[in-house]
N, C-alpha and C. Protein backbone atom coordinates (compact mmCIF):
# COMPACT_ATOMS: atom_id res chain seq x y z
N MET A 1 1.60 -8.04 12.46
CA MET A 1 0.52 -7.12 12.73
C MET A 1 1.04 -5.73 13.10
N GLU A 2 2.18 -5.67 13.74
CA GLU A 2 2.77 -4.39 14.09
C GLU A 2 3.12 -3.60 12.82
N ALA A 3 3.58 -4.32 11.80
CA ALA A 3 3.92 -3.67 10.53
C ALA A 3 2.69 -3.00 9.92
N GLN A 4 1.55 -3.66 10.00
CA GLN A 4 0.31 -3.08 9.47
C GLN A 4 -0.06 -1.81 10.23
N ARG A 5 0.04 -1.85 11.55
CA ARG A 5 -0.33 -0.70 12.37
C ARG A 5 0.56 0.50 12.05
N ILE A 6 1.86 0.25 11.93
CA ILE A 6 2.80 1.32 11.60
C ILE A 6 2.46 1.94 10.25
N ALA A 7 2.22 1.09 9.25
CA ALA A 7 1.92 1.57 7.90
C ALA A 7 0.61 2.35 7.88
N VAL A 8 -0.42 1.85 8.55
CA VAL A 8 -1.71 2.53 8.56
C VAL A 8 -1.58 3.89 9.23
N ASP A 9 -0.91 3.94 10.39
CA ASP A 9 -0.71 5.21 11.08
C ASP A 9 0.02 6.22 10.20
N ALA A 10 1.05 5.76 9.49
CA ALA A 10 1.83 6.65 8.63
C ALA A 10 1.00 7.18 7.47
N VAL A 11 0.28 6.31 6.78
CA VAL A 11 -0.51 6.74 5.61
C VAL A 11 -1.63 7.68 6.04
N VAL A 12 -2.30 7.37 7.14
CA VAL A 12 -3.39 8.23 7.61
C VAL A 12 -2.83 9.59 8.04
N ALA A 13 -1.69 9.60 8.74
CA ALA A 13 -1.09 10.86 9.18
C ALA A 13 -0.66 11.72 8.00
N LEU A 14 -0.12 11.10 6.97
CA LEU A 14 0.39 11.85 5.82
C LEU A 14 -0.70 12.30 4.85
N THR A 15 -1.81 11.58 4.81
CA THR A 15 -2.81 11.87 3.77
C THR A 15 -4.17 12.28 4.31
N ASP A 16 -4.45 12.01 5.57
CA ASP A 16 -5.75 12.31 6.17
C ASP A 16 -6.88 11.53 5.47
N CYS A 17 -6.55 10.34 5.00
CA CYS A 17 -7.55 9.48 4.35
C CYS A 17 -8.39 8.75 5.39
N ASP A 18 -9.45 8.15 4.91
CA ASP A 18 -10.31 7.35 5.77
C ASP A 18 -9.52 6.16 6.32
N ARG A 19 -9.45 6.06 7.64
CA ARG A 19 -8.65 5.03 8.30
C ARG A 19 -9.11 3.61 7.93
N ASP A 20 -10.41 3.40 7.86
CA ASP A 20 -10.92 2.06 7.54
C ASP A 20 -10.52 1.62 6.13
N ALA A 21 -10.54 2.54 5.19
CA ALA A 21 -10.14 2.21 3.82
C ALA A 21 -8.64 1.89 3.76
N VAL A 22 -7.84 2.66 4.50
CA VAL A 22 -6.40 2.41 4.52
C VAL A 22 -6.11 1.06 5.18
N ILE A 23 -6.82 0.75 6.27
CA ILE A 23 -6.63 -0.53 6.95
C ILE A 23 -6.93 -1.68 5.99
N ALA A 24 -8.02 -1.60 5.26
CA ALA A 24 -8.39 -2.66 4.33
C ALA A 24 -7.34 -2.83 3.24
N PHE A 25 -6.84 -1.71 2.71
CA PHE A 25 -5.85 -1.78 1.64
C PHE A 25 -4.53 -2.36 2.15
N ILE A 26 -4.06 -1.88 3.29
CA ILE A 26 -2.81 -2.37 3.87
C ILE A 26 -2.94 -3.85 4.23
N ARG A 27 -4.08 -4.25 4.75
CA ARG A 27 -4.29 -5.66 5.10
C ARG A 27 -4.18 -6.55 3.86
N ARG A 28 -4.74 -6.09 2.73
CA ARG A 28 -4.63 -6.87 1.49
C ARG A 28 -3.17 -7.03 1.06
N LEU A 29 -2.41 -5.93 1.18
CA LEU A 29 -0.98 -6.01 0.84
C LEU A 29 -0.26 -6.98 1.76
N TYR A 30 -0.56 -6.89 3.06
CA TYR A 30 0.09 -7.74 4.05
C TYR A 30 -0.21 -9.21 3.77
N LEU A 31 -1.45 -9.52 3.48
CA LEU A 31 -1.83 -10.90 3.19
C LEU A 31 -1.23 -11.40 1.88
N ALA A 32 -0.89 -10.46 1.01
CA ALA A 32 -0.25 -10.82 -0.26
C ALA A 32 1.26 -11.04 -0.09
N GLY A 33 1.78 -10.81 1.13
CA GLY A 33 3.18 -11.11 1.40
C GLY A 33 4.07 -9.93 1.68
N VAL A 34 3.55 -8.71 1.63
CA VAL A 34 4.35 -7.52 1.93
C VAL A 34 4.30 -7.32 3.45
N THR A 35 5.43 -7.55 4.14
CA THR A 35 5.41 -7.50 5.60
C THR A 35 6.29 -6.40 6.18
N ASP A 36 7.06 -5.72 5.37
CA ASP A 36 7.92 -4.64 5.85
C ASP A 36 7.11 -3.36 6.01
N PRO A 37 7.16 -2.71 7.20
CA PRO A 37 6.36 -1.49 7.41
C PRO A 37 6.66 -0.37 6.41
N LYS A 38 7.93 -0.20 6.05
CA LYS A 38 8.28 0.85 5.09
C LYS A 38 7.68 0.55 3.72
N ARG A 39 7.74 -0.69 3.33
CA ARG A 39 7.20 -1.09 2.03
C ARG A 39 5.68 -0.95 2.00
N LEU A 40 5.02 -1.35 3.09
CA LEU A 40 3.56 -1.20 3.18
C LEU A 40 3.18 0.27 3.09
N THR A 41 3.91 1.12 3.80
CA THR A 41 3.63 2.56 3.77
C THR A 41 3.83 3.11 2.37
N PHE A 42 4.95 2.75 1.74
CA PHE A 42 5.25 3.23 0.39
C PHE A 42 4.17 2.79 -0.59
N LYS A 43 3.78 1.52 -0.52
CA LYS A 43 2.75 1.02 -1.44
C LYS A 43 1.41 1.73 -1.20
N GLY A 44 1.09 2.01 0.06
CA GLY A 44 -0.14 2.74 0.37
C GLY A 44 -0.13 4.14 -0.20
N LEU A 45 0.99 4.84 -0.03
CA LEU A 45 1.11 6.20 -0.57
C LEU A 45 1.13 6.17 -2.10
N GLN A 46 1.77 5.18 -2.65
CA GLN A 46 1.82 5.05 -4.11
C GLN A 46 0.42 4.84 -4.68
N ALA A 47 -0.38 4.02 -4.02
CA ALA A 47 -1.75 3.77 -4.48
C ALA A 47 -2.57 5.05 -4.42
N LEU A 48 -2.35 5.87 -3.39
CA LEU A 48 -3.11 7.11 -3.27
C LEU A 48 -2.74 8.13 -4.34
N SER A 49 -1.52 8.04 -4.84
CA SER A 49 -1.09 9.02 -5.83
C SER A 49 -1.66 8.74 -7.21
N ARG A 50 -2.23 7.56 -7.40
CA ARG A 50 -2.81 7.21 -8.70
C ARG A 50 -4.16 7.88 -8.90
N PRO A 51 -4.46 8.28 -10.12
CA PRO A 51 -5.76 8.90 -10.39
C PRO A 51 -6.93 7.96 -10.09
N ASP A 52 -6.70 6.65 -10.16
CA ASP A 52 -7.78 5.70 -9.93
C ASP A 52 -7.76 5.15 -8.50
N SER A 53 -7.25 5.93 -7.53
CA SER A 53 -7.13 5.45 -6.15
C SER A 53 -8.49 5.12 -5.54
N ALA A 54 -9.56 5.69 -6.05
CA ALA A 54 -10.89 5.38 -5.53
C ALA A 54 -11.25 3.92 -5.79
N ARG A 55 -10.60 3.33 -6.78
CA ARG A 55 -10.81 1.92 -7.09
C ARG A 55 -10.40 1.05 -5.90
N PHE A 56 -9.42 1.51 -5.13
CA PHE A 56 -8.96 0.77 -3.95
C PHE A 56 -9.75 1.15 -2.71
N GLY A 57 -10.72 2.04 -2.85
CA GLY A 57 -11.46 2.51 -1.69
C GLY A 57 -10.76 3.65 -0.99
N LEU A 58 -9.71 4.18 -1.62
CA LEU A 58 -8.93 5.25 -1.01
C LEU A 58 -9.26 6.57 -1.70
N LYS A 59 -9.40 7.58 -0.89
CA LYS A 59 -9.67 8.92 -1.43
C LYS A 59 -8.81 9.91 -0.69
N PHE A 60 -8.14 10.76 -1.42
CA PHE A 60 -7.28 11.77 -0.83
C PHE A 60 -8.11 13.03 -0.64
N PRO A 61 -8.48 13.38 0.59
CA PRO A 61 -9.41 14.48 0.84
C PRO A 61 -9.01 15.80 0.20
N ALA A 62 -7.73 16.14 0.20
CA ALA A 62 -7.32 17.42 -0.37
C ALA A 62 -7.59 17.47 -1.87
N LEU A 63 -7.48 16.35 -2.55
CA LEU A 63 -7.75 16.33 -3.98
C LEU A 63 -9.25 16.37 -4.27
N ILE A 64 -10.03 15.78 -3.41
CA ILE A 64 -11.48 15.73 -3.61
C ILE A 64 -12.10 17.10 -3.35
N SER A 65 -11.67 17.75 -2.27
CA SER A 65 -12.28 19.02 -1.90
C SER A 65 -11.73 20.17 -2.74
N GLY A 66 -10.63 19.91 -3.45
CA GLY A 66 -10.04 20.97 -4.27
C GLY A 66 -9.19 21.93 -3.47
N ALA A 67 -8.89 21.58 -2.22
CA ALA A 67 -8.08 22.45 -1.35
C ALA A 67 -6.64 22.41 -1.74
């Protein structure tokens, strides 16, 4: 559980995404067997960089607002 908290804090801090969406995504990865905090963080950031990140419930605010 500590790994999930670390990964969620890192992804939210780096991207300013919705915390609840990041928690849900990281939890799915964790339950799928990814337990390393660095790997969870990397996978979360990787998912956000995809054009279809909204499919995961993740939205990168800077890209949406055009800032």
